PDB file of all heavy atoms in Angstrom:
ATOM      1  N   TRP A   1       4.244  23.174  22.867  1.00  0.00           N
ATOM      2  CA  TRP A   1       2.931  22.706  22.343  1.00  0.00           C
ATOM      3  C   TRP A   1       2.285  22.006  23.496  1.00  0.00           C
ATOM      4  O   TRP A   1       1.012  22.079  23.574  1.00  0.00           O
ATOM      5  CB  TRP A   1       3.216  21.632  21.159  1.00  0.00           C
ATOM      6  CG  TRP A   1       3.450  22.410  19.901  1.00  0.00           C
ATOM      7  CD1 TRP A   1       3.693  23.743  19.693  1.00  0.00           C
ATOM      8  CD2 TRP A   1       3.442  21.810  18.617  1.00  0.00           C
ATOM      9  NE1 TRP A   1       3.850  24.084  18.416  1.00  0.00           N
ATOM     10  CE2 TRP A   1       3.711  22.869  17.744  1.00  0.00           C
ATOM     11  CE3 TRP A   1       3.310  20.445  18.137  1.00  0.00           C
ATOM     12  CZ2 TRP A   1       3.879  22.582  16.252  1.00  0.00           C
ATOM     13  CZ3 TRP A   1       3.554  20.280  16.710  1.00  0.00           C
ATOM     14  CH2 TRP A   1       3.621  21.206  15.858  1.00  0.00           C
ATOM     15  N   LEU A   2       2.938  21.344  24.330  1.00  0.00           N
ATOM     16  CA  LEU A   2       2.377  20.609  25.521  1.00  0.00           C
ATOM     17  C   LEU A   2       1.784  21.666  26.425  1.00  0.00           C
ATOM     18  O   LEU A   2       0.648  21.461  26.842  1.00  0.00           O
ATOM     19  CB  LEU A   2       3.445  19.718  26.190  1.00  0.00           C
ATOM     20  CG  LEU A   2       2.977  19.179  27.468  1.00  0.00           C
ATOM     21  CD1 LEU A   2       1.738  18.256  27.237  1.00  0.00           C
ATOM     22  CD2 LEU A   2       4.229  18.369  28.044  1.00  0.00           C
ATOM     23  N   GLU A   3       2.532  22.674  26.711  1.00  0.00           N
ATOM     24  CA  GLU A   3       2.037  23.778  27.655  1.00  0.00           C
ATOM     25  C   GLU A   3       0.736  24.549  27.086  1.00  0.00           C
ATOM     26  O   GLU A   3      -0.147  24.845  27.680  1.00  0.00           O
ATOM     27  CB  GLU A   3       3.144  24.806  27.914  1.00  0.00           C
ATOM     28  CG  GLU A   3       4.274  24.166  28.706  1.00  0.00           C
ATOM     29  CD  GLU A   3       3.874  24.012  30.148  1.00  0.00           C
ATOM     30  OE1 GLU A   3       2.622  24.322  30.645  1.00  0.00           O
ATOM     31  OE2 GLU A   3       4.646  23.485  31.007  1.00  0.00           O
ATOM     32  N   LYS A   4       0.899  24.681  25.720  1.00  0.00           N
ATOM     33  CA  LYS A   4      -0.219  25.386  24.986  1.00  0.00           C
ATOM     34  C   LYS A   4      -1.477  24.603  25.071  1.00  0.00           C
ATOM     35  O   LYS A   4      -2.626  25.071  25.271  1.00  0.00           O
ATOM     36  CB  LYS A   4       0.236  25.583  23.543  1.00  0.00           C
ATOM     37  CG  LYS A   4      -0.913  26.060  22.573  1.00  0.00           C
ATOM     38  CD  LYS A   4      -1.385  27.495  22.869  1.00  0.00           C
ATOM     39  CE  LYS A   4      -2.492  27.880  21.890  1.00  0.00           C
ATOM     40  NZ  LYS A   4      -2.861  29.251  22.154  1.00  0.00           N
ATOM     41  N   THR A   5      -1.360  23.236  24.981  1.00  0.00           N
ATOM     42  CA  THR A   5      -2.516  22.227  25.091  1.00  0.00           C
ATOM     43  C   THR A   5      -3.089  22.404  26.487  1.00  0.00           C
ATOM     44  O   THR A   5      -4.323  22.432  26.615  1.00  0.00           O
ATOM     45  CB  THR A   5      -2.133  20.781  24.710  1.00  0.00           C
ATOM     46  OG1 THR A   5      -1.414  20.810  23.442  1.00  0.00           O
ATOM     47  CG2 THR A   5      -3.158  19.936  24.760  1.00  0.00           C
ATOM     48  N   LEU A   6      -2.314  22.308  27.451  1.00  0.00           N
ATOM     49  CA  LEU A   6      -2.757  22.523  28.919  1.00  0.00           C
ATOM     50  C   LEU A   6      -3.458  23.782  29.094  1.00  0.00           C
ATOM     51  O   LEU A   6      -4.526  23.790  29.698  1.00  0.00           O
ATOM     52  CB  LEU A   6      -1.623  22.378  29.883  1.00  0.00           C
ATOM     53  CG  LEU A   6      -0.928  20.887  29.917  1.00  0.00           C
ATOM     54  CD1 LEU A   6       0.216  20.845  30.840  1.00  0.00           C
ATOM     55  CD2 LEU A   6      -2.051  19.843  30.424  1.00  0.00           C
ATOM     56  N   LEU A   7      -2.919  24.717  28.612  1.00  0.00           N
ATOM     57  CA  LEU A   7      -3.580  26.158  28.685  1.00  0.00           C
ATOM     58  C   LEU A   7      -4.980  26.203  28.154  1.00  0.00           C
ATOM     59  O   LEU A   7      -5.905  26.626  28.629  1.00  0.00           O
ATOM     60  CB  LEU A   7      -2.646  27.228  28.207  1.00  0.00           C
ATOM     61  CG  LEU A   7      -3.205  28.690  28.121  1.00  0.00           C
ATOM     62  CD1 LEU A   7      -3.311  29.146  29.459  1.00  0.00           C
ATOM     63  CD2 LEU A   7      -2.230  29.586  27.338  1.00  0.00           C
ATOM     64  N   TYR A   8      -5.051  25.608  26.896  1.00  0.00           N
ATOM     65  CA  TYR A   8      -6.269  25.668  26.074  1.00  0.00           C
ATOM     66  C   TYR A   8      -7.355  24.723  26.749  1.00  0.00           C
ATOM     67  O   TYR A   8      -8.428  25.138  26.884  1.00  0.00           O
ATOM     68  CB  TYR A   8      -5.992  25.081  24.605  1.00  0.00           C
ATOM     69  CG  TYR A   8      -7.189  25.007  23.791  1.00  0.00           C
ATOM     70  CD1 TYR A   8      -7.747  26.179  23.187  1.00  0.00           C
ATOM     71  CD2 TYR A   8      -7.916  23.828  23.624  1.00  0.00           C
ATOM     72  CE1 TYR A   8      -8.816  26.158  22.365  1.00  0.00           C
ATOM     73  CE2 TYR A   8      -8.982  23.717  22.710  1.00  0.00           C
ATOM     74  CZ  TYR A   8      -9.498  25.006  22.165  1.00  0.00           C
ATOM     75  OH  TYR A   8     -10.675  24.948  21.433  1.00  0.00           O
ATOM     76  N   ALA A   9      -6.943  23.613  27.412  1.00  0.00           N
ATOM     77  CA  ALA A   9      -7.752  22.595  27.887  1.00  0.00           C
ATOM     78  C   ALA A   9      -8.280  22.903  29.327  1.00  0.00           C
ATOM     79  O   ALA A   9      -9.335  22.833  29.695  1.00  0.00           O
ATOM     80  CB  ALA A   9      -7.223  21.299  27.808  1.00  0.00           C
ATOM     81  N   PHE A  10      -7.266  23.569  30.259  1.00  0.00           N
ATOM     82  CA  PHE A  10      -7.602  23.703  31.553  1.00  0.00           C
ATOM     83  C   PHE A  10      -7.454  25.112  32.119  1.00  0.00           C
ATOM     84  O   PHE A  10      -7.782  25.443  33.284  1.00  0.00           O
ATOM     85  CB  PHE A  10      -6.604  22.734  32.369  1.00  0.00           C
ATOM     86  CG  PHE A  10      -6.787  21.304  31.929  1.00  0.00           C
ATOM     87  CD1 PHE A  10      -5.904  20.746  31.299  1.00  0.00           C
ATOM     88  CD2 PHE A  10      -7.941  20.575  32.302  1.00  0.00           C
ATOM     89  CE1 PHE A  10      -5.924  19.331  30.898  1.00  0.00           C
ATOM     90  CE2 PHE A  10      -8.144  19.196  31.987  1.00  0.00           C
ATOM     91  CZ  PHE A  10      -7.159  18.676  31.259  1.00  0.00           C
ATOM     92  N   GLY A  11      -7.058  26.003  31.309  1.00  0.00           N
ATOM     93  CA  GLY A  11      -7.100  27.415  31.838  1.00  0.00           C
ATOM     94  C   GLY A  11      -5.523  27.873  32.251  1.00  0.00           C
ATOM     95  O   GLY A  11      -4.647  27.169  32.145  1.00  0.00           O
ATOM     96  N   VAL A  12      -5.641  28.959  32.924  1.00  0.00           N
ATOM     97  CA  VAL A  12      -4.437  29.661  33.370  1.00  0.00           C
ATOM     98  C   VAL A  12      -3.933  29.430  34.765  1.00  0.00           C
ATOM     99  O   VAL A  12      -2.969  30.051  35.141  1.00  0.00           O
ATOM    100  CB  VAL A  12      -4.617  31.236  33.076  1.00  0.00           C
ATOM    101  CG1 VAL A  12      -4.917  31.697  31.789  1.00  0.00           C
ATOM    102  CG2 VAL A  12      -5.788  31.838  34.183  1.00  0.00           C
ATOM    103  N   ASP A  13      -4.494  28.530  35.393  1.00  0.00           N
ATOM    104  CA  ASP A  13      -3.991  28.207  36.815  1.00  0.00           C
ATOM    105  C   ASP A  13      -2.456  27.761  36.767  1.00  0.00           C
ATOM    106  O   ASP A  13      -2.110  27.039  35.934  1.00  0.00           O
ATOM    107  CB  ASP A  13      -4.769  26.982  37.373  1.00  0.00           C
ATOM    108  CG  ASP A  13      -4.460  26.733  38.827  1.00  0.00           C
ATOM    109  OD1 ASP A  13      -4.985  27.465  39.661  1.00  0.00           O
ATOM    110  OD2 ASP A  13      -3.531  25.866  39.132  1.00  0.00           O
ATOM    111  N   GLU A  14      -1.852  28.402  37.829  1.00  0.00           N
ATOM    112  CA  GLU A  14      -0.497  28.062  37.810  1.00  0.00           C
ATOM    113  C   GLU A  14       0.005  26.687  37.986  1.00  0.00           C
ATOM    114  O   GLU A  14       0.959  26.190  37.309  1.00  0.00           O
ATOM    115  CB  GLU A  14       0.292  28.898  38.991  1.00  0.00           C
ATOM    116  CG  GLU A  14       0.270  30.502  38.777  1.00  0.00           C
ATOM    117  CD  GLU A  14      -1.003  31.154  39.239  1.00  0.00           C
ATOM    118  OE1 GLU A  14      -1.878  30.498  39.540  1.00  0.00           O
ATOM    119  OE2 GLU A  14      -1.039  32.375  39.207  1.00  0.00           O
ATOM    120  N   ARG A  15      -0.827  25.970  38.675  1.00  0.00           N
ATOM    121  CA  ARG A  15      -0.467  24.465  38.858  1.00  0.00           C
ATOM    122  C   ARG A  15      -0.638  23.800  37.585  1.00  0.00           C
ATOM    123  O   ARG A  15       0.117  22.767  37.311  1.00  0.00           O
ATOM    124  CB  ARG A  15      -1.383  23.926  39.963  1.00  0.00           C
ATOM    125  CG  ARG A  15      -1.199  24.510  41.272  1.00  0.00           C
ATOM    126  CD  ARG A  15      -2.201  23.972  42.356  1.00  0.00           C
ATOM    127  NE  ARG A  15      -2.160  24.611  43.589  1.00  0.00           N
ATOM    128  CZ  ARG A  15      -2.783  25.658  43.919  1.00  0.00           C
ATOM    129  NH1 ARG A  15      -3.514  26.397  43.035  1.00  0.00           N
ATOM    130  NH2 ARG A  15      -2.655  26.270  45.015  1.00  0.00           N
ATOM    131  N   VAL A  16      -1.627  24.072  36.830  1.00  0.00           N
ATOM    132  CA  VAL A  16      -1.847  23.442  35.500  1.00  0.00           C
ATOM    133  C   VAL A  16      -0.629  23.691  34.574  1.00  0.00           C
ATOM    134  O   VAL A  16      -0.064  22.762  34.027  1.00  0.00           O
ATOM    135  CB  VAL A  16      -3.113  23.918  34.822  1.00  0.00           C
ATOM    136  CG1 VAL A  16      -3.134  23.551  33.376  1.00  0.00           C
ATOM    137  CG2 VAL A  16      -4.355  23.489  35.539  1.00  0.00           C
ATOM    138  N   LEU A  17      -0.176  24.927  34.540  1.00  0.00           N
ATOM    139  CA  LEU A  17       0.940  25.301  33.690  1.00  0.00           C
ATOM    140  C   LEU A  17       2.204  24.495  34.047  1.00  0.00           C
ATOM    141  O   LEU A  17       3.131  24.343  33.316  1.00  0.00           O
ATOM    142  CB  LEU A  17       1.163  26.752  33.587  1.00  0.00           C
ATOM    143  CG  LEU A  17      -0.025  27.579  32.926  1.00  0.00           C
ATOM    144  CD1 LEU A  17       0.217  29.019  32.930  1.00  0.00           C
ATOM    145  CD2 LEU A  17      -0.197  27.047  31.446  1.00  0.00           C
ATOM    146  N   ARG A  18       2.330  24.362  35.381  1.00  0.00           N
ATOM    147  CA  ARG A  18       3.575  23.704  35.933  1.00  0.00           C
ATOM    148  C   ARG A  18       3.553  22.272  36.027  1.00  0.00           C
ATOM    149  O   ARG A  18       4.396  21.565  36.503  1.00  0.00           O
ATOM    150  CB  ARG A  18       3.830  24.285  37.342  1.00  0.00           C
ATOM    151  CG  ARG A  18       4.266  25.794  37.156  1.00  0.00           C
ATOM    152  CD  ARG A  18       4.282  26.516  38.582  1.00  0.00           C
ATOM    153  NE  ARG A  18       4.754  27.925  38.654  1.00  0.00           N
ATOM    154  CZ  ARG A  18       4.410  28.762  39.369  1.00  0.00           C
ATOM    155  NH1 ARG A  18       3.649  28.506  40.456  1.00  0.00           N
ATOM    156  NH2 ARG A  18       4.874  29.993  39.411  1.00  0.00           N
ATOM    157  N   LEU A  19       2.437  21.654  35.582  1.00  0.00           N
ATOM    158  CA  LEU A  19       2.216  20.205  35.726  1.00  0.00           C
ATOM    159  C   LEU A  19       3.375  19.430  35.020  1.00  0.00           C
ATOM    160  O   LEU A  19       3.864  18.421  35.567  1.00  0.00           O
ATOM    161  CB  LEU A  19       0.826  19.853  35.182  1.00  0.00           C
ATOM    162  CG  LEU A  19       0.459  18.331  35.396  1.00  0.00           C
ATOM    163  CD1 LEU A  19       0.310  17.978  36.964  1.00  0.00           C
ATOM    164  CD2 LEU A  19      -0.858  18.185  34.785  1.00  0.00           C
ATOM    165  N   PRO A  20       3.746  19.745  33.741  1.00  0.00           N
ATOM    166  CA  PRO A  20       4.845  19.102  33.166  1.00  0.00           C
ATOM    167  C   PRO A  20       6.125  19.093  34.004  1.00  0.00           C
ATOM    168  O   PRO A  20       6.923  18.213  33.982  1.00  0.00           O
ATOM    169  CB  PRO A  20       5.078  19.838  31.775  1.00  0.00           C
ATOM    170  CG  PRO A  20       3.703  20.345  31.483  1.00  0.00           C
ATOM    171  CD  PRO A  20       3.100  20.723  32.818  1.00  0.00           C
ATOM    172  N   SER A  21       6.341  20.267  34.787  1.00  0.00           N
ATOM    173  CA  SER A  21       7.632  20.337  35.507  1.00  0.00           C
ATOM    174  C   SER A  21       7.473  19.358  36.716  1.00  0.00           C
ATOM    175  O   SER A  21       8.480  18.688  37.100  1.00  0.00           O
ATOM    176  CB  SER A  21       7.739  21.775  36.153  1.00  0.00           C
ATOM    177  OG  SER A  21       7.965  22.796  35.157  1.00  0.00           O
ATOM    178  N   LEU A  22       6.360  19.192  37.263  1.00  0.00           N
ATOM    179  CA  LEU A  22       6.186  18.278  38.289  1.00  0.00           C
ATOM    180  C   LEU A  22       6.370  16.786  37.750  1.00  0.00           C
ATOM    181  O   LEU A  22       7.274  16.054  38.447  1.00  0.00           O
ATOM    182  CB  LEU A  22       4.676  18.324  38.916  1.00  0.00           C
ATOM    183  CG  LEU A  22       4.373  17.198  39.938  1.00  0.00           C
ATOM    184  CD1 LEU A  22       5.206  17.285  41.159  1.00  0.00           C
ATOM    185  CD2 LEU A  22       2.797  17.298  40.304  1.00  0.00           C
ATOM    186  N   VAL A  23       5.776  16.509  36.698  1.00  0.00           N
ATOM    187  CA  VAL A  23       5.978  15.152  36.154  1.00  0.00           C
ATOM    188  C   VAL A  23       7.374  14.884  35.799  1.00  0.00           C
ATOM    189  O   VAL A  23       8.000  13.778  35.946  1.00  0.00           O
ATOM    190  CB  VAL A  23       5.035  14.918  34.877  1.00  0.00           C
ATOM    191  CG1 VAL A  23       5.418  13.689  34.260  1.00  0.00           C
ATOM    192  CG2 VAL A  23       3.514  14.979  35.290  1.00  0.00           C
ATOM    193  N   GLY A  24       8.011  15.996  35.203  1.00  0.00           N
ATOM    194  CA  GLY A  24       9.432  15.809  34.827  1.00  0.00           C
ATOM    195  C   GLY A  24      10.402  15.471  35.942  1.00  0.00           C
ATOM    196  O   GLY A  24      11.203  14.614  35.924  1.00  0.00           O
ATOM    197  N   MET A  25      10.217  16.319  37.096  1.00  0.00           N
ATOM    198  CA  MET A  25      10.977  16.058  38.192  1.00  0.00           C
ATOM    199  C   MET A  25      10.755  14.831  39.040  1.00  0.00           C
ATOM    200  O   MET A  25      11.681  14.238  39.602  1.00  0.00           O
ATOM    201  CB  MET A  25      10.894  17.318  39.255  1.00  0.00           C
ATOM    202  CG  MET A  25      11.623  18.508  38.660  1.00  0.00           C
ATOM    203  SD  MET A  25      13.353  18.272  38.059  1.00  0.00           S
ATOM    204  CE  MET A  25      13.745  20.103  37.874  1.00  0.00           C
ATOM    205  N   LEU A  26       9.377  14.309  38.998  1.00  0.00           N
ATOM    206  CA  LEU A  26       9.081  13.053  39.713  1.00  0.00           C
ATOM    207  C   LEU A  26       9.871  11.894  38.764  1.00  0.00           C
ATOM    208  O   LEU A  26      10.407  11.052  39.389  1.00  0.00           O
ATOM    209  CB  LEU A  26       7.565  12.762  39.634  1.00  0.00           C
ATOM    210  CG  LEU A  26       6.896  13.553  40.614  1.00  0.00           C
ATOM    211  CD1 LEU A  26       5.382  13.489  40.424  1.00  0.00           C
ATOM    212  CD2 LEU A  26       7.223  13.229  42.140  1.00  0.00           C
ATOM    213  N   ALA A  27       9.844  12.254  37.416  1.00  0.00           N
ATOM    214  CA  ALA A  27      10.646  11.173  36.567  1.00  0.00           C
ATOM    215  C   ALA A  27      12.110  11.247  36.923  1.00  0.00           C
ATOM    216  O   ALA A  27      12.624  10.195  36.790  1.00  0.00           O
ATOM    217  CB  ALA A  27      10.352  11.555  35.167  1.00  0.00           C
ATOM    218  N   VAL A  28      12.662  12.332  37.163  1.00  0.00           N
ATOM    219  CA  VAL A  28      14.060  12.406  37.416  1.00  0.00           C
ATOM    220  C   VAL A  28      14.382  11.668  38.653  1.00  0.00           C
ATOM    221  O   VAL A  28      15.343  10.938  38.785  1.00  0.00           O
ATOM    222  CB  VAL A  28      14.529  13.873  37.627  1.00  0.00           C
ATOM    223  CG1 VAL A  28      15.909  14.039  38.229  1.00  0.00           C
ATOM    224  CG2 VAL A  28      14.422  14.639  36.230  1.00  0.00           C
ATOM    225  N   LEU A  29      13.504  11.840  39.683  1.00  0.00           N
ATOM    226  CA  LEU A  29      13.723  11.031  40.925  1.00  0.00           C
ATOM    227  C   LEU A  29      13.559   9.558  40.790  1.00  0.00           C
ATOM    228  O   LEU A  29      14.497   8.878  41.217  1.00  0.00           O
ATOM    229  CB  LEU A  29      12.555  11.480  41.939  1.00  0.00           C
ATOM    230  CG  LEU A  29      12.682  11.176  43.436  1.00  0.00           C
ATOM    231  CD1 LEU A  29      13.824  12.036  44.087  1.00  0.00           C
ATOM    232  CD2 LEU A  29      11.389  11.500  44.284  1.00  0.00           C
ATOM    233  N   ILE A  30      12.675   9.081  39.943  1.00  0.00           N
ATOM    234  CA  ILE A  30      12.480   7.645  39.747  1.00  0.00           C
ATOM    235  C   ILE A  30      13.596   7.073  38.821  1.00  0.00           C
ATOM    236  O   ILE A  30      14.233   6.075  39.109  1.00  0.00           O
ATOM    237  CB  ILE A  30      11.132   7.324  39.149  1.00  0.00           C
ATOM    238  CG1 ILE A  30       9.967   7.738  40.160  1.00  0.00           C
ATOM    239  CG2 ILE A  30      10.998   5.848  38.764  1.00  0.00           C
ATOM    240  CD1 ILE A  30       8.573   7.752  39.526  1.00  0.00           C
ATOM    241  N   LEU A  31      14.010   7.853  37.848  1.00  0.00           N
ATOM    242  CA  LEU A  31      14.930   7.403  36.835  1.00  0.00           C
ATOM    243  C   LEU A  31      16.314   7.298  37.389  1.00  0.00           C
ATOM    244  O   LEU A  31      17.120   6.414  37.157  1.00  0.00           O
ATOM    245  CB  LEU A  31      14.949   8.222  35.577  1.00  0.00           C
ATOM    246  CG  LEU A  31      13.811   8.044  34.609  1.00  0.00           C
ATOM    247  CD1 LEU A  31      13.702   9.204  33.582  1.00  0.00           C
ATOM    248  CD2 LEU A  31      13.667   6.709  33.947  1.00  0.00           C
ATOM    249  N   THR A  32      16.547   8.323  38.335  1.00  0.00           N
ATOM    250  CA  THR A  32      17.896   8.222  39.039  1.00  0.00           C
ATOM    251  C   THR A  32      17.943   6.980  39.841  1.00  0.00           C
ATOM    252  O   THR A  32      19.077   6.200  39.962  1.00  0.00           O
ATOM    253  CB  THR A  32      17.980   9.434  39.929  1.00  0.00           C
ATOM    254  OG1 THR A  32      17.902  10.582  39.210  1.00  0.00           O
ATOM    255  CG2 THR A  32      19.265   9.432  40.784  1.00  0.00           C
ATOM    256  N   ALA A  33      16.883   6.508  40.488  1.00  0.00           N
ATOM    257  CA  ALA A  33      17.013   5.263  41.338  1.00  0.00           C
ATOM    258  C   ALA A  33      17.117   4.104  40.468  1.00  0.00           C
ATOM    259  O   ALA A  33      17.908   3.228  40.809  1.00  0.00           O
ATOM    260  CB  ALA A  33      15.668   5.162  42.176  1.00  0.00           C
ATOM    261  N   VAL A  34      16.435   4.076  39.350  1.00  0.00           N
ATOM    262  CA  VAL A  34      16.535   2.941  38.455  1.00  0.00           C
ATOM    263  C   VAL A  34      17.923   2.818  37.867  1.00  0.00           C
ATOM    264  O   VAL A  34      18.611   1.755  37.797  1.00  0.00           O
ATOM    265  CB  VAL A  34      15.509   3.046  37.307  1.00  0.00           C
ATOM    266  CG1 VAL A  34      15.698   1.892  36.280  1.00  0.00           C
ATOM    267  CG2 VAL A  34      14.149   2.983  37.975  1.00  0.00           C
ATOM    268  N   ILE A  35      18.506   3.983  37.388  1.00  0.00           N
ATOM    269  CA  ILE A  35      19.813   3.891  36.850  1.00  0.00           C
ATOM    270  C   ILE A  35      20.822   3.578  37.788  1.00  0.00           C
ATOM    271  O   ILE A  35      21.799   2.750  37.504  1.00  0.00           O
ATOM    272  CB  ILE A  35      20.136   5.332  36.145  1.00  0.00           C
ATOM    273  CG1 ILE A  35      19.177   5.384  34.819  1.00  0.00           C
ATOM    274  CG2 ILE A  35      21.666   5.318  35.504  1.00  0.00           C
ATOM    275  CD1 ILE A  35      19.363   6.807  34.126  1.00  0.00           C
ATOM    276  N   ALA A  36      20.805   4.186  38.957  1.00  0.00           N
ATOM    277  CA  ALA A  36      21.848   3.765  40.062  1.00  0.00           C
ATOM    278  C   ALA A  36      21.785   2.400  40.362  1.00  0.00           C
ATOM    279  O   ALA A  36      22.782   1.810  40.684  1.00  0.00           O
ATOM    280  CB  ALA A  36      21.527   4.737  41.261  1.00  0.00           C
ATOM    281  N   HIS A  37      20.566   1.950  40.503  1.00  0.00           N
ATOM    282  CA  HIS A  37      20.414   0.452  40.864  1.00  0.00           C
ATOM    283  C   HIS A  37      21.082  -0.532  39.671  1.00  0.00           C
ATOM    284  O   HIS A  37      21.720  -1.420  40.047  1.00  0.00           O
ATOM    285  CB  HIS A  37      18.932   0.053  41.007  1.00  0.00           C
ATOM    286  CG  HIS A  37      18.824  -1.337  41.542  1.00  0.00           C
ATOM    287  ND1 HIS A  37      18.467  -2.380  40.685  1.00  0.00           N
ATOM    288  CD2 HIS A  37      18.688  -1.852  42.704  1.00  0.00           C
ATOM    289  CE1 HIS A  37      18.433  -3.492  41.358  1.00  0.00           C
ATOM    290  NE2 HIS A  37      18.403  -3.159  42.660  1.00  0.00           N
ATOM    291  N   ARG A  38      20.776  -0.191  38.527  1.00  0.00           N
ATOM    292  CA  ARG A  38      21.405  -0.870  37.396  1.00  0.00           C
ATOM    293  C   ARG A  38      22.825  -0.704  37.281  1.00  0.00           C
ATOM    294  O   ARG A  38      23.548  -1.778  36.992  1.00  0.00           O
ATOM    295  CB  ARG A  38      20.664  -0.596  35.960  1.00  0.00           C
ATOM    296  CG  ARG A  38      19.138  -1.059  36.006  1.00  0.00           C
ATOM    297  CD  ARG A  38      18.547  -0.499  34.660  1.00  0.00           C
ATOM    298  NE  ARG A  38      19.330  -1.206  33.465  1.00  0.00           N
ATOM    299  CZ  ARG A  38      18.995  -2.428  32.973  1.00  0.00           C
ATOM    300  NH1 ARG A  38      17.951  -3.138  33.522  1.00  0.00           N
ATOM    301  NH2 ARG A  38      19.612  -2.837  31.911  1.00  0.00           N
ATOM    302  N   ALA A  39      23.407   0.496  37.444  1.00  0.00           N
ATOM    303  CA  ALA A  39      24.704   0.658  37.125  1.00  0.00           C
ATOM    304  C   ALA A  39      25.721   0.561  38.223  1.00  0.00           C
ATOM    305  O   ALA A  39      26.817   0.327  38.095  1.00  0.00           O
ATOM    306  CB  ALA A  39      24.872   2.140  36.434  1.00  0.00           C
ATOM    307  N   ILE A  40      25.167   0.736  39.490  1.00  0.00           N
ATOM    308  CA  ILE A  40      26.115   0.857  40.697  1.00  0.00           C
ATOM    309  C   ILE A  40      25.731  -0.146  41.675  1.00  0.00           C
ATOM    310  O   ILE A  40      26.456  -0.953  42.003  1.00  0.00           O
ATOM    311  CB  ILE A  40      26.044   2.281  41.338  1.00  0.00           C
ATOM    312  CG1 ILE A  40      26.241   3.357  40.102  1.00  0.00           C
ATOM    313  CG2 ILE A  40      27.194   2.385  42.278  1.00  0.00           C
ATOM    314  CD1 ILE A  40      26.051   4.745  40.638  1.00  0.00           C
ATOM    315  N   GLY A  41      24.463  -0.189  42.157  1.00  0.00           N
ATOM    316  CA  GLY A  41      24.089  -1.191  43.228  1.00  0.00           C
ATOM    317  C   GLY A  41      22.874  -0.623  44.010  1.00  0.00           C
ATOM    318  O   GLY A  41      22.342   0.537  43.792  1.00  0.00           O
ATOM    319  N   ARG A  42      22.301  -1.568  44.789  1.00  0.00           N
ATOM    320  CA  ARG A  42      21.100  -1.107  45.605  1.00  0.00           C
ATOM    321  C   ARG A  42      21.339  -0.078  46.584  1.00  0.00           C
ATOM    322  O   ARG A  42      20.564   0.933  46.559  1.00  0.00           O
ATOM    323  CB  ARG A  42      20.621  -2.381  46.370  1.00  0.00           C
ATOM    324  CG  ARG A  42      20.297  -3.647  45.510  1.00  0.00           C
ATOM    325  CD  ARG A  42      19.795  -4.686  46.288  1.00  0.00           C
ATOM    326  NE  ARG A  42      20.869  -5.212  47.186  1.00  0.00           N
ATOM    327  CZ  ARG A  42      20.775  -6.116  48.124  1.00  0.00           C
ATOM    328  NH1 ARG A  42      19.580  -6.701  48.348  1.00  0.00           N
ATOM    329  NH2 ARG A  42      21.737  -6.451  48.785  1.00  0.00           N
ATOM    330  N   TRP A  43      22.335   0.020  47.388  1.00  0.00           N
ATOM    331  CA  TRP A  43      22.560   1.106  48.278  1.00  0.00           C
ATOM    332  C   TRP A  43      22.896   2.410  47.557  1.00  0.00           C
ATOM    333  O   TRP A  43      22.578   3.441  48.054  1.00  0.00           O
ATOM    334  CB  TRP A  43      23.540   0.754  49.324  1.00  0.00           C
ATOM    335  CG  TRP A  43      23.015  -0.132  50.464  1.00  0.00           C
ATOM    336  CD1 TRP A  43      23.279  -1.449  50.822  1.00  0.00           C
ATOM    337  CD2 TRP A  43      22.086   0.270  51.426  1.00  0.00           C
ATOM    338  NE1 TRP A  43      22.626  -1.925  51.842  1.00  0.00           N
ATOM    339  CE2 TRP A  43      21.807  -0.795  52.274  1.00  0.00           C
ATOM    340  CE3 TRP A  43      21.438   1.453  51.741  1.00  0.00           C
ATOM    341  CZ2 TRP A  43      20.934  -0.784  53.405  1.00  0.00           C
ATOM    342  CZ3 TRP A  43      20.583   1.533  52.815  1.00  0.00           C
ATOM    343  CH2 TRP A  43      20.265   0.309  53.665  1.00  0.00           C
ATOM    344  N   ALA A  44      23.604   2.215  46.494  1.00  0.00           N
ATOM    345  CA  ALA A  44      23.954   3.427  45.745  1.00  0.00           C
ATOM    346  C   ALA A  44      22.770   4.076  45.199  1.00  0.00           C
ATOM    347  O   ALA A  44      22.591   5.291  45.126  1.00  0.00           O
ATOM    348  CB  ALA A  44      24.821   3.013  44.610  1.00  0.00           C
ATOM    349  N   ALA A  45      21.674   3.266  44.839  1.00  0.00           N
ATOM    350  CA  ALA A  45      20.441   3.791  44.375  1.00  0.00           C
ATOM    351  C   ALA A  45      19.742   4.760  45.565  1.00  0.00           C
ATOM    352  O   ALA A  45      19.148   5.771  45.349  1.00  0.00           O
ATOM    353  CB  ALA A  45      19.482   2.657  44.078  1.00  0.00           C
TER     354      ALA A  45
END
């Protein structure tokens, strides 16, 4: 549904359709840092 909404609103450009993938992987990067800092330590993050 999210991808369908992007397609309907912004068209068929490949970058538009892959925007959730970009946001998701950026979130993985940040969340890994946050969890590692909380659970293990600063240098572990």
